[in-house]
C-alpha cells in the first residue's frame, strides 16, 4: 500500500553548531507508506548561506536516492526505478542549482563535489522538487518543531501516518 515510488525529503539548518561551525542536515525516505531511512548529521563543510547548506544537504539525499535505486535494481524491483525518485527540498535556489548550471556570487565558492547533484538529476535518478517548509518531513531532523507538527511528522516517520495523504496535501499546496 502507499507510494509506489520512494519519496525523499531533505532539509538543512542555517544555524551552525557553535563549536564546529557546521550546520545540521537530514533526509527521510518513504516507500509503500512506510519509512525506509532517516538520517541527521552535521554537514561536512561550513556553509555560507542557507542555499549553500541546503545544497550540501541535498547531496546526501541524492546519494541515498542513487544507492536505493541501485539496490532495488539488483534485487529485481526494476519496475520501481523506471521513473526518477522525487526528492523534496524547501530552498528554491538550492533546488534550482541541482537542475541548472549557473555560477553566481552566491554559489561560486561551493566545493565541486557537491555539484554531483546535477549529474544525479541529469541521469534521471531523481527529480528535485520544492516543498513548503511546514510540509517538509525532514525538518524533524534539523530543528525543533511545535508539538502538533512534530507528532504529525513522527507518525509518518514511524510508519503509522499516511504518506500518501501528506503528499497529496503537499502537491495541492501553493508553490
N, C-alpha and C. Protein backbone atom coordinates (compact mmCIF):
# COMPACT_ATOMS: atom_id res chain seq x y z
N UNK A 1 0.85 -1.18 0.00
CA UNK A 1 0.00 0.00 0.00
C UNK A 1 0.89 1.24 0.00
N UNK A 2 0.33 2.35 -0.43
CA UNK A 2 1.05 3.61 -0.34
C UNK A 2 1.79 3.98 -1.61
N UNK A 3 2.80 4.79 -1.44
CA UNK A 3 3.53 5.32 -2.59
C UNK A 3 4.33 4.21 -3.29
N UNK A 4 4.12 4.11 -4.60
CA UNK A 4 4.78 3.08 -5.40
C UNK A 4 6.26 3.40 -5.58
N UNK A 5 6.55 4.68 -5.79
CA UNK A 5 7.96 5.09 -5.91
C UNK A 5 8.42 5.73 -4.61
N UNK A 6 9.63 5.44 -4.17
CA UNK A 6 10.14 6.07 -2.97
C UNK A 6 10.16 7.60 -3.09
N UNK A 7 9.95 8.25 -1.97
CA UNK A 7 9.96 9.70 -1.87
C UNK A 7 10.97 10.09 -0.80
N UNK A 8 11.78 11.08 -1.10
CA UNK A 8 12.83 11.51 -0.17
C UNK A 8 12.64 13.00 0.10
N UNK A 9 12.80 13.40 1.34
CA UNK A 9 12.73 14.82 1.70
C UNK A 9 14.04 15.20 2.38
N UNK A 10 14.50 16.42 2.08
CA UNK A 10 15.79 16.89 2.57
C UNK A 10 15.64 18.25 3.22
N UNK A 11 16.45 18.50 4.24
CA UNK A 11 16.47 19.80 4.88
C UNK A 11 17.84 20.04 5.48
N UNK A 12 18.17 21.31 5.63
CA UNK A 12 19.39 21.70 6.33
C UNK A 12 19.10 22.97 7.12
N UNK A 13 19.72 23.07 8.24
CA UNK A 13 19.58 24.25 9.07
C UNK A 13 20.57 25.32 8.60
N UNK A 14 20.29 26.54 8.95
CA UNK A 14 21.25 27.61 8.68
C UNK A 14 21.81 28.16 9.99
N UNK A 15 21.72 27.34 11.04
CA UNK A 15 22.24 27.73 12.36
C UNK A 15 23.41 26.80 12.68
N UNK A 16 24.62 27.29 12.52
CA UNK A 16 25.77 26.41 12.74
C UNK A 16 25.96 26.05 14.21
N UNK A 17 26.53 24.89 14.42
CA UNK A 17 26.93 24.46 15.74
C UNK A 17 27.98 25.44 16.27
N UNK A 18 27.85 25.93 17.49
CA UNK A 18 28.80 26.94 17.98
C UNK A 18 30.23 26.42 18.13
N UNK A 19 30.40 25.12 18.25
CA UNK A 19 31.75 24.57 18.42
C UNK A 19 32.44 24.26 17.10
N UNK A 20 31.68 23.69 16.15
CA UNK A 20 32.30 23.26 14.90
C UNK A 20 32.04 24.23 13.74
N UNK A 21 31.00 25.04 13.85
CA UNK A 21 30.64 25.93 12.75
C UNK A 21 29.86 25.22 11.65
N UNK A 22 29.51 23.94 11.87
CA UNK A 22 28.80 23.15 10.87
C UNK A 22 27.31 23.12 11.19
N UNK A 23 26.48 23.19 10.17
CA UNK A 23 25.03 23.14 10.33
C UNK A 23 24.54 21.70 10.28
N UNK A 24 23.34 21.49 10.80
CA UNK A 24 22.70 20.18 10.81
C UNK A 24 21.94 19.98 9.50
N UNK A 25 21.98 18.78 8.96
CA UNK A 25 21.20 18.44 7.77
C UNK A 25 20.59 17.06 7.97
N UNK A 26 19.53 16.79 7.24
CA UNK A 26 18.91 15.49 7.36
C UNK A 26 18.02 15.18 6.18
N UNK A 27 17.73 13.91 6.01
CA UNK A 27 16.77 13.50 4.98
C UNK A 27 15.99 12.29 5.48
N UNK A 28 14.81 12.13 4.91
CA UNK A 28 13.94 11.00 5.22
C UNK A 28 13.52 10.35 3.91
N UNK A 29 13.31 9.06 3.93
CA UNK A 29 12.86 8.34 2.74
C UNK A 29 11.67 7.48 3.11
N UNK A 30 10.69 7.43 2.21
CA UNK A 30 9.44 6.72 2.46
C UNK A 30 9.07 5.91 1.21
N UNK A 31 8.61 4.69 1.45
CA UNK A 31 8.18 3.83 0.34
C UNK A 31 7.08 2.93 0.85
N UNK A 32 6.05 2.73 0.04
CA UNK A 32 4.92 1.86 0.38
C UNK A 32 4.29 2.28 1.70
N UNK A 33 4.19 3.59 1.90
CA UNK A 33 3.58 4.19 3.08
C UNK A 33 4.37 3.92 4.36
N UNK A 34 5.61 3.52 4.21
CA UNK A 34 6.42 3.26 5.39
C UNK A 34 7.77 3.94 5.32
N UNK A 35 8.41 4.06 6.47
CA UNK A 35 9.74 4.66 6.50
C UNK A 35 10.79 3.69 5.96
N UNK A 36 11.71 4.21 5.20
CA UNK A 36 12.81 3.39 4.67
C UNK A 36 14.11 3.81 5.33
N UNK A 37 14.29 5.11 5.47
CA UNK A 37 15.55 5.62 6.01
C UNK A 37 15.34 7.01 6.55
N UNK A 38 16.13 7.35 7.54
CA UNK A 38 16.21 8.73 8.01
C UNK A 38 17.63 8.95 8.51
N UNK A 39 18.12 10.14 8.26
CA UNK A 39 19.49 10.45 8.67
C UNK A 39 19.56 11.91 9.07
N UNK A 40 20.26 12.16 10.14
CA UNK A 40 20.51 13.52 10.59
C UNK A 40 21.96 13.59 11.02
N UNK A 41 22.69 14.57 10.49
CA UNK A 41 24.10 14.70 10.85
C UNK A 41 24.57 16.11 10.55
N UNK A 42 25.73 16.44 11.08
CA UNK A 42 26.33 17.71 10.73
C UNK A 42 26.85 17.64 9.30
N UNK A 43 26.77 18.76 8.61
CA UNK A 43 27.35 18.82 7.27
C UNK A 43 28.87 18.66 7.37
N UNK A 44 29.51 18.30 6.29
CA UNK A 44 30.95 18.09 6.31
C UNK A 44 31.74 19.39 6.14
N UNK A 45 31.07 20.42 5.62
CA UNK A 45 31.73 21.70 5.38
C UNK A 45 30.86 22.83 5.91
N UNK A 46 31.49 23.94 6.21
CA UNK A 46 30.75 25.11 6.65
C UNK A 46 30.02 25.72 5.46
N UNK A 47 28.77 26.07 5.67
CA UNK A 47 28.00 26.73 4.64
C UNK A 47 28.00 28.24 4.88
N UNK A 48 27.95 28.98 3.80
CA UNK A 48 27.98 30.44 3.92
C UNK A 48 26.60 31.06 3.74
N UNK A 49 25.59 30.24 3.48
CA UNK A 49 24.23 30.74 3.30
C UNK A 49 23.27 29.57 3.46
N UNK A 50 21.99 29.88 3.54
CA UNK A 50 21.00 28.79 3.62
C UNK A 50 21.02 27.97 2.33
N UNK A 51 21.20 28.64 1.18
CA UNK A 51 21.27 27.93 -0.10
C UNK A 51 22.42 26.93 -0.08
N UNK A 52 23.56 27.36 0.40
CA UNK A 52 24.75 26.51 0.45
C UNK A 52 24.50 25.30 1.34
N UNK A 53 23.97 25.52 2.55
CA UNK A 53 23.69 24.41 3.47
C UNK A 53 22.67 23.44 2.88
N UNK A 54 21.60 23.98 2.30
CA UNK A 54 20.57 23.12 1.72
C UNK A 54 21.10 22.31 0.54
N UNK A 55 21.97 22.92 -0.26
CA UNK A 55 22.55 22.24 -1.41
C UNK A 55 23.43 21.07 -0.94
N UNK A 56 24.20 21.31 0.12
CA UNK A 56 25.03 20.24 0.68
C UNK A 56 24.14 19.14 1.28
N UNK A 57 23.04 19.53 1.91
CA UNK A 57 22.10 18.55 2.45
C UNK A 57 21.46 17.72 1.35
N UNK A 58 21.14 18.37 0.23
CA UNK A 58 20.56 17.65 -0.91
C UNK A 58 21.53 16.60 -1.46
N UNK A 59 22.82 16.85 -1.35
CA UNK A 59 23.80 15.87 -1.83
C UNK A 59 23.62 14.54 -1.11
N UNK A 60 23.46 14.58 0.21
CA UNK A 60 23.27 13.33 0.97
C UNK A 60 21.97 12.65 0.57
N UNK A 61 20.91 13.43 0.37
CA UNK A 61 19.62 12.85 -0.03
C UNK A 61 19.71 12.23 -1.42
N UNK A 62 20.37 12.89 -2.34
CA UNK A 62 20.52 12.36 -3.70
C UNK A 62 21.43 11.14 -3.72
N UNK A 63 22.46 11.12 -2.89
CA UNK A 63 23.32 9.94 -2.80
C UNK A 63 22.51 8.74 -2.31
N UNK A 64 21.63 8.99 -1.34
CA UNK A 64 20.77 7.91 -0.86
C UNK A 64 19.84 7.43 -1.98
N UNK A 65 19.29 8.37 -2.75
CA UNK A 65 18.39 8.00 -3.86
C UNK A 65 19.11 7.10 -4.86
N UNK A 66 20.33 7.45 -5.21
CA UNK A 66 21.10 6.64 -6.17
C UNK A 66 21.37 5.26 -5.58
N UNK A 67 21.78 5.21 -4.32
CA UNK A 67 22.05 3.93 -3.67
C UNK A 67 20.79 3.06 -3.65
N UNK A 68 19.65 3.66 -3.28
CA UNK A 68 18.42 2.87 -3.20
C UNK A 68 17.98 2.37 -4.57
N UNK A 69 18.15 3.20 -5.59
CA UNK A 69 17.80 2.77 -6.95
C UNK A 69 18.66 1.59 -7.38
N UNK A 70 19.95 1.65 -7.07
CA UNK A 70 20.84 0.54 -7.43
C UNK A 70 20.45 -0.73 -6.68
N UNK A 71 20.15 -0.60 -5.39
CA UNK A 71 19.74 -1.75 -4.60
C UNK A 71 18.46 -2.37 -5.16
N UNK A 72 17.46 -1.53 -5.43
CA UNK A 72 16.19 -2.05 -5.96
C UNK A 72 16.40 -2.74 -7.31
N UNK A 73 17.27 -2.18 -8.15
CA UNK A 73 17.57 -2.82 -9.42
C UNK A 73 18.23 -4.18 -9.24
N UNK A 74 19.15 -4.27 -8.27
CA UNK A 74 19.86 -5.52 -8.03
C UNK A 74 18.96 -6.61 -7.49
N UNK A 75 17.92 -6.25 -6.75
CA UNK A 75 17.06 -7.28 -6.16
C UNK A 75 15.82 -7.55 -7.01
N UNK A 76 15.82 -7.02 -8.23
CA UNK A 76 14.75 -7.35 -9.16
C UNK A 76 13.52 -6.46 -9.12
N UNK A 77 13.62 -5.31 -8.50
CA UNK A 77 12.48 -4.38 -8.44
C UNK A 77 12.63 -3.29 -9.50
N UNK A 78 12.94 -3.69 -10.72
CA UNK A 78 13.21 -2.71 -11.77
C UNK A 78 11.99 -1.85 -12.11
N UNK A 79 10.79 -2.34 -11.86
CA UNK A 79 9.59 -1.54 -12.14
C UNK A 79 9.55 -0.28 -11.28
N UNK A 80 10.11 -0.36 -10.09
CA UNK A 80 10.10 0.77 -9.16
C UNK A 80 11.04 1.88 -9.61
N UNK A 81 12.06 1.53 -10.37
CA UNK A 81 13.08 2.52 -10.72
C UNK A 81 12.97 3.01 -12.16
N UNK A 82 11.83 2.78 -12.79
CA UNK A 82 11.64 3.25 -14.16
C UNK A 82 11.59 4.76 -14.24
N UNK A 83 11.07 5.41 -13.21
CA UNK A 83 10.96 6.86 -13.15
C UNK A 83 11.90 7.39 -12.08
N UNK A 84 12.35 8.64 -12.22
CA UNK A 84 13.19 9.22 -11.16
C UNK A 84 12.43 9.29 -9.84
N UNK A 85 13.15 9.19 -8.74
CA UNK A 85 12.55 9.38 -7.42
C UNK A 85 12.33 10.87 -7.21
N UNK A 86 11.30 11.22 -6.47
CA UNK A 86 11.07 12.60 -6.10
C UNK A 86 11.87 12.90 -4.84
N UNK A 87 12.68 13.94 -4.91
CA UNK A 87 13.43 14.43 -3.75
C UNK A 87 12.97 15.85 -3.50
N UNK A 88 12.42 16.09 -2.32
CA UNK A 88 11.87 17.39 -1.99
C UNK A 88 12.83 18.16 -1.10
N UNK A 89 12.98 19.45 -1.41
CA UNK A 89 13.75 20.36 -0.58
C UNK A 89 13.01 21.69 -0.49
N UNK A 90 13.25 22.43 0.58
CA UNK A 90 12.48 23.66 0.77
C UNK A 90 13.26 24.94 0.46
N UNK A 91 14.36 24.82 -0.28
CA UNK A 91 15.11 26.00 -0.67
C UNK A 91 15.13 26.08 -2.20
N UNK A 92 14.42 27.05 -2.74
CA UNK A 92 14.25 27.17 -4.19
C UNK A 92 15.60 27.28 -4.90
N UNK A 93 16.51 28.11 -4.37
CA UNK A 93 17.80 28.30 -5.03
C UNK A 93 18.62 27.02 -5.04
N UNK A 94 18.66 26.31 -3.93
CA UNK A 94 19.41 25.05 -3.87
C UNK A 94 18.80 24.02 -4.83
N UNK A 95 17.47 23.96 -4.86
CA UNK A 95 16.80 23.03 -5.79
C UNK A 95 17.15 23.36 -7.24
N UNK A 96 17.10 24.65 -7.59
CA UNK A 96 17.44 25.07 -8.96
C UNK A 96 18.88 24.74 -9.31
N UNK A 97 19.77 24.88 -8.36
CA UNK A 97 21.18 24.58 -8.62
C UNK A 97 21.38 23.09 -8.93
N UNK A 98 20.50 22.24 -8.44
CA UNK A 98 20.57 20.81 -8.77
C UNK A 98 20.17 20.54 -10.21
N UNK A 99 19.42 21.45 -10.81
CA UNK A 99 18.91 21.23 -12.16
C UNK A 99 19.65 22.04 -13.21
N UNK A 100 20.10 23.22 -12.84
CA UNK A 100 20.68 24.16 -13.81
C UNK A 100 22.08 24.57 -13.40
N UNK A 101 22.95 24.60 -14.38
CA UNK A 101 24.32 25.05 -14.12
C UNK A 101 24.36 26.57 -14.28
N UNK A 102 24.58 27.24 -13.19
CA UNK A 102 24.77 28.68 -13.24
C UNK A 102 25.72 29.07 -12.12
N UNK A 103 26.55 30.01 -12.39
CA UNK A 103 27.51 30.49 -11.40
C UNK A 103 27.10 31.90 -11.00
N UNK A 104 27.05 32.11 -9.71
CA UNK A 104 26.74 33.44 -9.19
C UNK A 104 27.67 33.75 -8.03
N UNK A 105 27.62 34.97 -7.55
CA UNK A 105 28.45 35.32 -6.39
C UNK A 105 27.99 34.55 -5.16
N UNK A 106 26.75 34.07 -5.17
CA UNK A 106 26.23 33.31 -4.04
C UNK A 106 26.62 31.84 -4.04
N UNK A 107 27.06 31.30 -5.19
CA UNK A 107 27.39 29.86 -5.21
C UNK A 107 28.76 29.56 -5.81
N UNK A 108 29.52 30.57 -6.16
CA UNK A 108 30.81 30.32 -6.84
C UNK A 108 31.83 29.63 -5.93
N UNK A 109 31.62 29.64 -4.65
CA UNK A 109 32.57 29.07 -3.69
C UNK A 109 32.24 27.63 -3.30
N UNK A 110 31.14 27.08 -3.77
CA UNK A 110 30.72 25.73 -3.35
C UNK A 110 31.71 24.70 -3.89
N UNK A 111 32.14 23.79 -3.01
CA UNK A 111 33.09 22.76 -3.41
C UNK A 111 32.54 21.95 -4.58
N UNK A 112 33.39 21.67 -5.54
CA UNK A 112 32.99 20.98 -6.77
C UNK A 112 32.27 19.65 -6.53
N UNK A 113 32.69 18.81 -5.57
CA UNK A 113 31.99 17.53 -5.41
C UNK A 113 30.49 17.66 -5.15
N UNK A 114 30.04 18.78 -4.59
CA UNK A 114 28.61 18.95 -4.34
C UNK A 114 27.83 19.15 -5.64
N UNK A 115 28.51 19.56 -6.69
CA UNK A 115 27.82 19.74 -7.97
C UNK A 115 27.50 18.40 -8.63
N UNK A 116 27.89 17.30 -7.98
CA UNK A 116 27.45 15.98 -8.40
C UNK A 116 25.93 15.92 -8.41
N UNK A 117 25.28 16.77 -7.62
CA UNK A 117 23.82 16.82 -7.58
C UNK A 117 23.23 16.93 -8.98
N UNK A 118 23.83 17.79 -9.80
CA UNK A 118 23.32 17.99 -11.17
C UNK A 118 23.41 16.71 -11.98
N UNK A 119 24.46 15.96 -11.79
CA UNK A 119 24.62 14.71 -12.53
C UNK A 119 23.54 13.71 -12.12
N UNK A 120 23.27 13.60 -10.83
CA UNK A 120 22.24 12.68 -10.34
C UNK A 120 20.89 13.02 -10.95
N UNK A 121 20.59 14.31 -11.06
CA UNK A 121 19.32 14.74 -11.66
C UNK A 121 19.34 14.52 -13.17
N UNK A 122 20.44 14.90 -13.83
CA UNK A 122 20.55 14.77 -15.29
C UNK A 122 20.48 13.31 -15.74
N UNK A 123 21.01 12.41 -14.93
CA UNK A 123 20.99 10.99 -15.28
C UNK A 123 19.67 10.32 -14.95
N UNK A 124 18.72 11.07 -14.41
CA UNK A 124 17.38 10.55 -14.16
C UNK A 124 17.21 9.76 -12.88
N UNK A 125 18.12 9.92 -11.94
CA UNK A 125 17.96 9.23 -10.66
C UNK A 125 16.90 9.90 -9.79
N UNK A 126 16.79 11.22 -9.93
CA UNK A 126 15.86 11.96 -9.07
C UNK A 126 15.37 13.21 -9.78
N UNK A 127 14.22 13.65 -9.33
CA UNK A 127 13.68 14.95 -9.71
C UNK A 127 13.60 15.75 -8.42
N UNK A 128 14.25 16.90 -8.39
CA UNK A 128 14.24 17.72 -7.18
C UNK A 128 13.06 18.68 -7.26
N UNK A 129 12.23 18.62 -6.25
CA UNK A 129 11.01 19.44 -6.21
C UNK A 129 11.00 20.29 -4.94
N UNK A 130 10.27 21.39 -5.04
CA UNK A 130 10.15 22.27 -3.89
C UNK A 130 9.01 21.83 -2.99
N UNK A 131 9.20 21.97 -1.69
CA UNK A 131 8.17 21.69 -0.69
C UNK A 131 8.15 22.86 0.29
N UNK A 132 6.97 23.26 0.70
CA UNK A 132 6.88 24.28 1.74
C UNK A 132 7.54 23.75 3.00
N UNK A 133 8.23 24.62 3.70
CA UNK A 133 8.92 24.22 4.92
C UNK A 133 7.97 23.53 5.90
N UNK A 134 6.76 24.06 6.03
CA UNK A 134 5.82 23.48 7.00
C UNK A 134 5.37 22.07 6.64
N UNK A 135 5.63 21.63 5.40
CA UNK A 135 5.26 20.28 4.96
C UNK A 135 6.48 19.37 4.76
N UNK A 136 7.65 19.88 5.08
CA UNK A 136 8.89 19.13 4.86
C UNK A 136 9.15 18.22 6.06
N UNK A 137 8.88 16.94 5.89
CA UNK A 137 9.02 15.97 6.97
C UNK A 137 10.43 15.96 7.54
N UNK A 138 11.43 16.18 6.71
CA UNK A 138 12.80 16.13 7.19
C UNK A 138 13.18 17.30 8.10
N UNK A 139 12.27 18.27 8.26
CA UNK A 139 12.52 19.33 9.25
C UNK A 139 12.71 18.76 10.64
N UNK A 140 12.10 17.61 10.89
CA UNK A 140 12.23 16.97 12.20
C UNK A 140 13.68 16.58 12.49
N UNK A 141 14.49 16.49 11.44
CA UNK A 141 15.90 16.11 11.58
C UNK A 141 16.82 17.30 11.86
N UNK A 142 16.31 18.53 11.69
CA UNK A 142 17.23 19.67 11.72
C UNK A 142 16.87 20.78 12.70
N UNK A 143 15.65 20.75 13.25
CA UNK A 143 15.25 21.87 14.10
C UNK A 143 14.13 21.47 15.04
N UNK A 144 13.96 22.21 16.12
CA UNK A 144 12.80 21.94 16.99
C UNK A 144 11.51 22.37 16.30
N UNK A 145 10.46 21.60 16.50
CA UNK A 145 9.16 21.87 15.87
C UNK A 145 8.10 22.02 16.95
N UNK A 146 7.00 22.67 16.59
CA UNK A 146 5.88 22.74 17.53
C UNK A 146 5.31 21.34 17.70
N UNK A 147 4.59 21.12 18.79
CA UNK A 147 4.11 19.79 19.15
C UNK A 147 3.26 19.10 18.10
N UNK A 148 2.32 19.84 17.49
CA UNK A 148 1.42 19.23 16.50
C UNK A 148 2.20 18.80 15.26
N UNK A 149 3.10 19.66 14.78
CA UNK A 149 3.90 19.32 13.59
C UNK A 149 4.81 18.14 13.90
N UNK A 150 5.44 18.16 15.07
CA UNK A 150 6.31 17.06 15.47
C UNK A 150 5.54 15.74 15.48
N UNK A 151 4.37 15.72 16.08
CA UNK A 151 3.57 14.49 16.16
C UNK A 151 3.15 14.01 14.77
N UNK A 152 2.76 14.94 13.90
CA UNK A 152 2.36 14.58 12.53
C UNK A 152 3.53 13.94 11.79
N UNK A 153 4.69 14.60 11.81
CA UNK A 153 5.87 14.08 11.11
C UNK A 153 6.33 12.76 11.73
N UNK A 154 6.30 12.68 13.06
CA UNK A 154 6.72 11.46 13.74
C UNK A 154 5.83 10.28 13.37
N UNK A 155 4.53 10.52 13.22
CA UNK A 155 3.63 9.42 12.84
C UNK A 155 3.99 8.90 11.45
N UNK A 156 4.35 9.79 10.54
CA UNK A 156 4.75 9.35 9.19
C UNK A 156 6.10 8.64 9.24
N UNK A 157 7.03 9.20 10.01
CA UNK A 157 8.36 8.59 10.11
C UNK A 157 8.34 7.22 10.77
N UNK A 158 7.36 6.98 11.62
CA UNK A 158 7.29 5.69 12.30
C UNK A 158 6.40 4.69 11.55
N UNK A 159 5.82 5.13 10.42
CA UNK A 159 5.03 4.22 9.60
C UNK A 159 3.56 4.16 9.96
N UNK A 160 3.12 4.98 10.92
CA UNK A 160 1.72 4.98 11.31
C UNK A 160 0.90 6.03 10.57
N UNK A 161 1.53 7.12 10.18
CA UNK A 161 0.84 8.16 9.42
C UNK A 161 0.77 7.77 7.95
N UNK A 162 -0.02 8.49 7.20
CA UNK A 162 -0.22 8.16 5.79
C UNK A 162 0.58 9.13 4.91
N UNK A 163 1.65 8.64 4.33
CA UNK A 163 2.50 9.47 3.47
C UNK A 163 1.73 9.91 2.23
N UNK A 164 0.81 9.08 1.76
CA UNK A 164 0.04 9.45 0.56
C UNK A 164 -0.83 10.68 0.82
N UNK A 165 -1.47 10.74 1.98
CA UNK A 165 -2.26 11.92 2.33
C UNK A 165 -1.36 13.15 2.45
N UNK A 166 -0.19 12.96 3.04
CA UNK A 166 0.76 14.06 3.19
C UNK A 166 1.23 14.55 1.82
N UNK A 167 1.55 13.63 0.92
CA UNK A 167 1.99 14.02 -0.42
C UNK A 167 0.88 14.73 -1.19
N UNK A 168 -0.36 14.29 -1.02
CA UNK A 168 -1.49 14.95 -1.69
C UNK A 168 -1.63 16.38 -1.17
N UNK A 169 -1.46 16.57 0.12
CA UNK A 169 -1.53 17.91 0.70
C UNK A 169 -0.37 18.76 0.18
N UNK A 170 0.80 18.16 0.09
CA UNK A 170 1.99 18.84 -0.41
C UNK A 170 1.79 19.29 -1.87
N UNK A 171 1.29 18.39 -2.70
CA UNK A 171 1.10 18.71 -4.12
C UNK A 171 -0.02 19.75 -4.33
N UNK A 172 -0.97 19.81 -3.40
CA UNK A 172 -2.07 20.78 -3.53
C UNK A 172 -1.69 22.14 -2.96
N UNK A 173 -0.58 22.22 -2.24
CA UNK A 173 -0.18 23.50 -1.62
C UNK A 173 0.29 24.49 -2.67
N UNK A 174 0.21 25.75 -2.33
CA UNK A 174 0.67 26.79 -3.25
C UNK A 174 2.17 26.68 -3.44
N UNK A 175 2.59 26.89 -4.65
CA UNK A 175 4.01 26.76 -4.96
C UNK A 175 4.55 28.06 -5.48
